[in-house]
Amino acid sequence: MDAEKEEETSWPETLIDYYSNAIQTQFKNHIIMQQKDDLRGLAKVMDFMRAVSKNLFAKT
């Protein structure tokens, strides 16, 4: 019976834990998506700079 008392948690605590985990998961997913967007943007900037430098050096 002692083990049962230790295992029991009230429903508000369980609900808070559930939403806390859900928010952390969404936050992690947001950060990962933002990093992917940053990498895509960096790739576009690098492509543009490569094209500009090819045009500058090709004409000289």
PDB file of N, CA and C in Angstrom:
ATOM      1  N   MET A   1       0.814  -1.195   0.000  1.00  0.00           N
ATOM      2  CA  MET A   1       0.000   0.000   0.000  1.00  0.00           C
ATOM      3  C   MET A   1       0.864   1.269   0.000  1.00  0.00           C
ATOM      4  N   ASP A   2       2.040   1.186   0.610  1.00  0.00           N
ATOM      5  CA  ASP A   2       2.906   2.356   0.613  1.00  0.00           C
ATOM      6  C   ASP A   2       3.335   2.728  -0.797  1.00  0.00           C
ATOM      7  N   ALA A   3       3.580   1.723  -1.629  1.00  0.00           N
ATOM      8  CA  ALA A   3       3.988   1.980  -3.004  1.00  0.00           C
ATOM      9  C   ALA A   3       2.876   2.673  -3.779  1.00  0.00           C
ATOM     10  N   GLU A   4       1.640   2.312  -3.507  1.00  0.00           N
ATOM     11  CA  GLU A   4       0.520   2.943  -4.188  1.00  0.00           C
ATOM     12  C   GLU A   4       0.416   4.418  -3.811  1.00  0.00           C
ATOM     13  N   LYS A   5       0.657   4.741  -2.563  1.00  0.00           N
ATOM     14  CA  LYS A   5       0.569   6.133  -2.123  1.00  0.00           C
ATOM     15  C   LYS A   5       1.653   6.980  -2.777  1.00  0.00           C
ATOM     16  N   GLU A   6       2.831   6.405  -2.960  1.00  0.00           N
ATOM     17  CA  GLU A   6       3.924   7.139  -3.598  1.00  0.00           C
ATOM     18  C   GLU A   6       3.658   7.346  -5.086  1.00  0.00           C
ATOM     19  N   GLU A   7       3.008   6.375  -5.722  1.00  0.00           N
ATOM     20  CA  GLU A   7       2.759   6.446  -7.151  1.00  0.00           C
ATOM     21  C   GLU A   7       1.632   7.415  -7.498  1.00  0.00           C
ATOM     22  N   GLU A   8       0.678   7.621  -6.584  1.00  0.00           N
ATOM     23  CA  GLU A   8      -0.480   8.452  -6.865  1.00  0.00           C
ATOM     24  C   GLU A   8      -0.085   9.922  -6.945  1.00  0.00           C
ATOM     25  N   THR A   9      -0.571  10.575  -8.006  1.00  0.00           N
ATOM     26  CA  THR A   9      -0.421  12.022  -8.114  1.00  0.00           C
ATOM     27  C   THR A   9      -1.789  12.586  -8.417  1.00  0.00           C
ATOM     28  N   SER A  10      -2.017  13.792  -7.989  1.00  0.00           N
ATOM     29  CA  SER A  10      -3.323  14.402  -8.216  1.00  0.00           C
ATOM     30  C   SER A  10      -3.463  14.769  -9.686  1.00  0.00           C
ATOM     31  N   TRP A  11      -4.689  14.865 -10.139  1.00  0.00           N
ATOM     32  CA  TRP A  11      -4.909  15.154 -11.549  1.00  0.00           C
ATOM     33  C   TRP A  11      -4.394  16.522 -11.976  1.00  0.00           C
ATOM     34  N   PRO A  12      -4.406  17.554 -11.130  1.00  0.00           N
ATOM     35  CA  PRO A  12      -3.810  18.822 -11.594  1.00  0.00           C
ATOM     36  C   PRO A  12      -2.311  18.692 -11.869  1.00  0.00           C
ATOM     37  N   GLU A  13      -1.613  17.947 -11.030  1.00  0.00           N
ATOM     38  CA  GLU A  13      -0.174  17.762 -11.250  1.00  0.00           C
ATOM     39  C   GLU A  13       0.073  16.990 -12.545  1.00  0.00           C
ATOM     40  N   THR A  14      -0.749  15.967 -12.788  1.00  0.00           N
ATOM     41  CA  THR A  14      -0.612  15.184 -14.012  1.00  0.00           C
ATOM     42  C   THR A  14      -0.881  16.061 -15.230  1.00  0.00           C
ATOM     43  N   LEU A  15      -1.909  16.900 -15.147  1.00  0.00           N
ATOM     44  CA  LEU A  15      -2.254  17.793 -16.250  1.00  0.00           C
ATOM     45  C   LEU A  15      -1.142  18.809 -16.493  1.00  0.00           C
ATOM     46  N   ILE A  16      -0.589  19.353 -15.435  1.00  0.00           N
ATOM     47  CA  ILE A  16       0.511  20.318 -15.563  1.00  0.00           C
ATOM     48  C   ILE A  16       1.719  19.645 -16.208  1.00  0.00           C
ATOM     49  N   ASP A  17       2.047  18.437 -15.785  1.00  0.00           N
ATOM     50  CA  ASP A  17       3.169  17.712 -16.382  1.00  0.00           C
ATOM     51  C   ASP A  17       2.930  17.469 -17.867  1.00  0.00           C
ATOM     52  N   TYR A  18       1.702  17.106 -18.225  1.00  0.00           N
ATOM     53  CA  TYR A  18       1.367  16.830 -19.627  1.00  0.00           C
ATOM     54  C   TYR A  18       1.566  18.079 -20.480  1.00  0.00           C
ATOM     55  N   TYR A  19       0.990  19.208 -20.041  1.00  0.00           N
ATOM     56  CA  TYR A  19       1.109  20.434 -20.818  1.00  0.00           C
ATOM     57  C   TYR A  19       2.536  20.962 -20.812  1.00  0.00           C
ATOM     58  N   SER A  20       3.247  20.774 -19.737  1.00  0.00           N
ATOM     59  CA  SER A  20       4.638  21.192 -19.684  1.00  0.00           C
ATOM     60  C   SER A  20       5.465  20.438 -20.719  1.00  0.00           C
ATOM     61  N   ASN A  21       5.266  19.138 -20.802  1.00  0.00           N
ATOM     62  CA  ASN A  21       5.983  18.333 -21.796  1.00  0.00           C
ATOM     63  C   ASN A  21       5.570  18.716 -23.211  1.00  0.00           C
ATOM     64  N   ALA A  22       4.287  18.998 -23.423  1.00  0.00           N
ATOM     65  CA  ALA A  22       3.810  19.381 -24.752  1.00  0.00           C
ATOM     66  C   ALA A  22       4.432  20.703 -25.190  1.00  0.00           C
ATOM     67  N   ILE A  23       4.519  21.662 -24.279  1.00  0.00           N
ATOM     68  CA  ILE A  23       5.099  22.966 -24.611  1.00  0.00           C
ATOM     69  C   ILE A  23       6.587  22.821 -24.912  1.00  0.00           C
ATOM     70  N   GLN A  24       7.292  22.017 -24.130  1.00  0.00           N
ATOM     71  CA  GLN A  24       8.721  21.812 -24.380  1.00  0.00           C
ATOM     72  C   GLN A  24       8.943  21.165 -25.740  1.00  0.00           C
ATOM     73  N   THR A  25       8.106  20.211 -26.116  1.00  0.00           N
ATOM     74  CA  THR A  25       8.236  19.543 -27.405  1.00  0.00           C
ATOM     75  C   THR A  25       7.999  20.529 -28.539  1.00  0.00           C
ATOM     76  N   GLN A  26       6.962  21.376 -28.421  1.00  0.00           N
ATOM     77  CA  GLN A  26       6.690  22.368 -29.451  1.00  0.00           C
ATOM     78  C   GLN A  26       7.832  23.367 -29.562  1.00  0.00           C
ATOM     79  N   PHE A  27       8.401  23.761 -28.445  1.00  0.00           N
ATOM     80  CA  PHE A  27       9.506  24.713 -28.449  1.00  0.00           C
ATOM     81  C   PHE A  27      10.724  24.119 -29.149  1.00  0.00           C
ATOM     82  N   LYS A  28      11.024  22.838 -28.857  1.00  0.00           N
ATOM     83  CA  LYS A  28      12.152  22.175 -29.507  1.00  0.00           C
ATOM     84  C   LYS A  28      11.926  22.074 -31.002  1.00  0.00           C
ATOM     85  N   ASN A  29      10.698  21.732 -31.416  1.00  0.00           N
ATOM     86  CA  ASN A  29      10.394  21.640 -32.838  1.00  0.00           C
ATOM     87  C   ASN A  29      10.528  22.996 -33.512  1.00  0.00           C
ATOM     88  N   HIS A  30      10.113  24.061 -32.830  1.00  0.00           N
ATOM     89  CA  HIS A  30      10.232  25.408 -33.385  1.00  0.00           C
ATOM     90  C   HIS A  30      11.697  25.777 -33.603  1.00  0.00           C
ATOM     91  N   ILE A  31      12.537  25.444 -32.640  1.00  0.00           N
ATOM     92  CA  ILE A  31      13.964  25.759 -32.759  1.00  0.00           C
ATOM     93  C   ILE A  31      14.582  24.989 -33.923  1.00  0.00           C
ATOM     94  N   ILE A  32      14.235  23.714 -34.056  1.00  0.00           N
ATOM     95  CA  ILE A  32      14.781  22.904 -35.147  1.00  0.00           C
ATOM     96  C   ILE A  32      14.340  23.461 -36.489  1.00  0.00           C
ATOM     97  N   MET A  33      13.062  23.835 -36.606  1.00  0.00           N
ATOM     98  CA  MET A  33      12.564  24.397 -37.862  1.00  0.00           C
ATOM     99  C   MET A  33      13.245  25.730 -38.160  1.00  0.00           C
ATOM    100  N   GLN A  34      13.483  26.528 -37.131  1.00  0.00           N
ATOM    101  CA  GLN A  34      14.137  27.816 -37.330  1.00  0.00           C
ATOM    102  C   GLN A  34      15.576  27.607 -37.813  1.00  0.00           C
ATOM    103  N   GLN A  35      16.263  26.617 -37.271  1.00  0.00           N
ATOM    104  CA  GLN A  35      17.625  26.335 -37.704  1.00  0.00           C
ATOM    105  C   GLN A  35      17.652  25.895 -39.163  1.00  0.00           C
ATOM    106  N   LYS A  36      16.668  25.098 -39.579  1.00  0.00           N
ATOM    107  CA  LYS A  36      16.598  24.678 -40.979  1.00  0.00           C
ATOM    108  C   LYS A  36      16.362  25.881 -41.884  1.00  0.00           C
ATOM    109  N   ASP A  37      15.477  26.790 -41.463  1.00  0.00           N
ATOM    110  CA  ASP A  37      15.230  28.000 -42.244  1.00  0.00           C
ATOM    111  C   ASP A  37      16.487  28.847 -42.344  1.00  0.00           C
ATOM    112  N   ASP A  38      17.238  28.950 -41.252  1.00  0.00           N
ATOM    113  CA  ASP A  38      18.481  29.721 -41.258  1.00  0.00           C
ATOM    114  C   ASP A  38      19.488  29.124 -42.230  1.00  0.00           C
ATOM    115  N   LEU A  39      19.571  27.800 -42.260  1.00  0.00           N
ATOM    116  CA  LEU A  39      20.503  27.146 -43.178  1.00  0.00           C
ATOM    117  C   LEU A  39      20.091  27.344 -44.632  1.00  0.00           C
ATOM    118  N   ARG A  40      18.789  27.299 -44.897  1.00  0.00           N
ATOM    119  CA  ARG A  40      18.314  27.550 -46.266  1.00  0.00           C
ATOM    120  C   ARG A  40      18.657  28.969 -46.694  1.00  0.00           C
ATOM    121  N   GLY A  41      18.437  29.923 -45.788  1.00  0.00           N
ATOM    122  CA  GLY A  41      18.763  31.309 -46.098  1.00  0.00           C
ATOM    123  C   GLY A  41      20.254  31.503 -46.339  1.00  0.00           C
ATOM    124  N   LEU A  42      21.073  30.855 -45.534  1.00  0.00           N
ATOM    125  CA  LEU A  42      22.522  30.945 -45.710  1.00  0.00           C
ATOM    126  C   LEU A  42      22.939  30.349 -47.052  1.00  0.00           C
ATOM    127  N   ALA A  43      22.322  29.257 -47.438  1.00  0.00           N
ATOM    128  CA  ALA A  43      22.644  28.634 -48.733  1.00  0.00           C
ATOM    129  C   ALA A  43      22.297  29.578 -49.884  1.00  0.00           C
ATOM    130  N   LYS A  44      21.168  30.269 -49.778  1.00  0.00           N
ATOM    131  CA  LYS A  44      20.780  31.216 -50.833  1.00  0.00           C
ATOM    132  C   LYS A  44      21.756  32.384 -50.909  1.00  0.00           C
ATOM    133  N   VAL A  45      22.169  32.891 -49.760  1.00  0.00           N
ATOM    134  CA  VAL A  45      23.132  33.996 -49.735  1.00  0.00           C
ATOM    135  C   VAL A  45      24.459  33.549 -50.339  1.00  0.00           C
ATOM    136  N   MET A  46      24.895  32.336 -50.020  1.00  0.00           N
ATOM    137  CA  MET A  46      26.160  31.833 -50.571  1.00  0.00           C
ATOM    138  C   MET A  46      26.068  31.667 -52.083  1.00  0.00           C
ATOM    139  N   ASP A  47      24.926  31.173 -52.573  1.00  0.00           N
ATOM    140  CA  ASP A  47      24.750  31.050 -54.025  1.00  0.00           C
ATOM    141  C   ASP A  47      24.794  32.404 -54.700  1.00  0.00           C
ATOM    142  N   PHE A  48      24.146  33.390 -54.094  1.00  0.00           N
ATOM    143  CA  PHE A  48      24.152  34.732 -54.660  1.00  0.00           C
ATOM    144  C   PHE A  48      25.561  35.317 -54.686  1.00  0.00           C
ATOM    145  N   MET A  49      26.285  35.174 -53.589  1.00  0.00           N
ATOM    146  CA  MET A  49      27.651  35.709 -53.538  1.00  0.00           C
ATOM    147  C   MET A  49      28.562  35.005 -54.529  1.00  0.00           C
ATOM    148  N   ARG A  50      28.368  33.728 -54.715  1.00  0.00           N
ATOM    149  CA  ARG A  50      29.155  32.980 -55.698  1.00  0.00           C
ATOM    150  C   ARG A  50      28.891  33.504 -57.105  1.00  0.00           C
ATOM    151  N   ALA A  51      27.607  33.756 -57.412  1.00  0.00           N
ATOM    152  CA  ALA A  51      27.255  34.289 -58.730  1.00  0.00           C
ATOM    153  C   ALA A  51      27.846  35.691 -58.935  1.00  0.00           C
ATOM    154  N   VAL A  52      27.789  36.523 -57.914  1.00  0.00           N
ATOM    155  CA  VAL A  52      28.343  37.881 -58.011  1.00  0.00           C
ATOM    156  C   VAL A  52      29.854  37.810 -58.212  1.00  0.00           C
ATOM    157  N   SER A  53      30.530  36.969 -57.455  1.00  0.00           N
ATOM    158  CA  SER A  53      31.986  36.913 -57.600  1.00  0.00           C
ATOM    159  C   SER A  53      32.392  36.335 -58.957  1.00  0.00           C
ATOM    160  N   LYS A  54      31.632  35.406 -59.491  1.00  0.00           N
ATOM    161  CA  LYS A  54      31.940  34.872 -60.834  1.00  0.00           C
ATOM    162  C   LYS A  54      31.808  35.978 -61.868  1.00  0.00           C
ATOM    163  N   ASN A  55      30.761  36.800 -61.741  1.00  0.00           N
ATOM    164  CA  ASN A  55      30.571  37.884 -62.707  1.00  0.00           C
ATOM    165  C   ASN A  55      31.656  38.944 -62.582  1.00  0.00           C
ATOM    166  N   LEU A  56      32.086  39.238 -61.366  1.00  0.00           N
ATOM    167  CA  LEU A  56      33.119  40.252 -61.184  1.00  0.00           C
ATOM    168  C   LEU A  56      34.470  39.784 -61.723  1.00  0.00           C
ATOM    169  N   PHE A  57      34.823  38.540 -61.437  1.00  0.00           N
ATOM    170  CA  PHE A  57      36.130  38.044 -61.854  1.00  0.00           C
ATOM    171  C   PHE A  57      36.153  37.631 -63.323  1.00  0.00           C
ATOM    172  N   ALA A  58      35.031  37.330 -63.885  1.00  0.00           N
ATOM    173  CA  ALA A  58      34.982  36.933 -65.294  1.00  0.00           C
ATOM    174  C   ALA A  58      35.200  38.145 -66.194  1.00  0.00           C
ATOM    175  N   LYS A  59      34.815  39.322 -65.747  1.00  0.00           N
ATOM    176  CA  LYS A  59      34.931  40.540 -66.556  1.00  0.00           C
ATOM    177  C   LYS A  59      36.301  41.205 -66.420  1.00  0.00           C
ATOM    178  N   THR A  60      37.082  40.827 -65.439  1.00  0.00           N
ATOM    179  CA  THR A  60      38.366  41.504 -65.264  1.00  0.00           C
ATOM    180  C   THR A  60      39.484  40.767 -65.943  1.00  0.00           C
TER     181      THR A  60
END
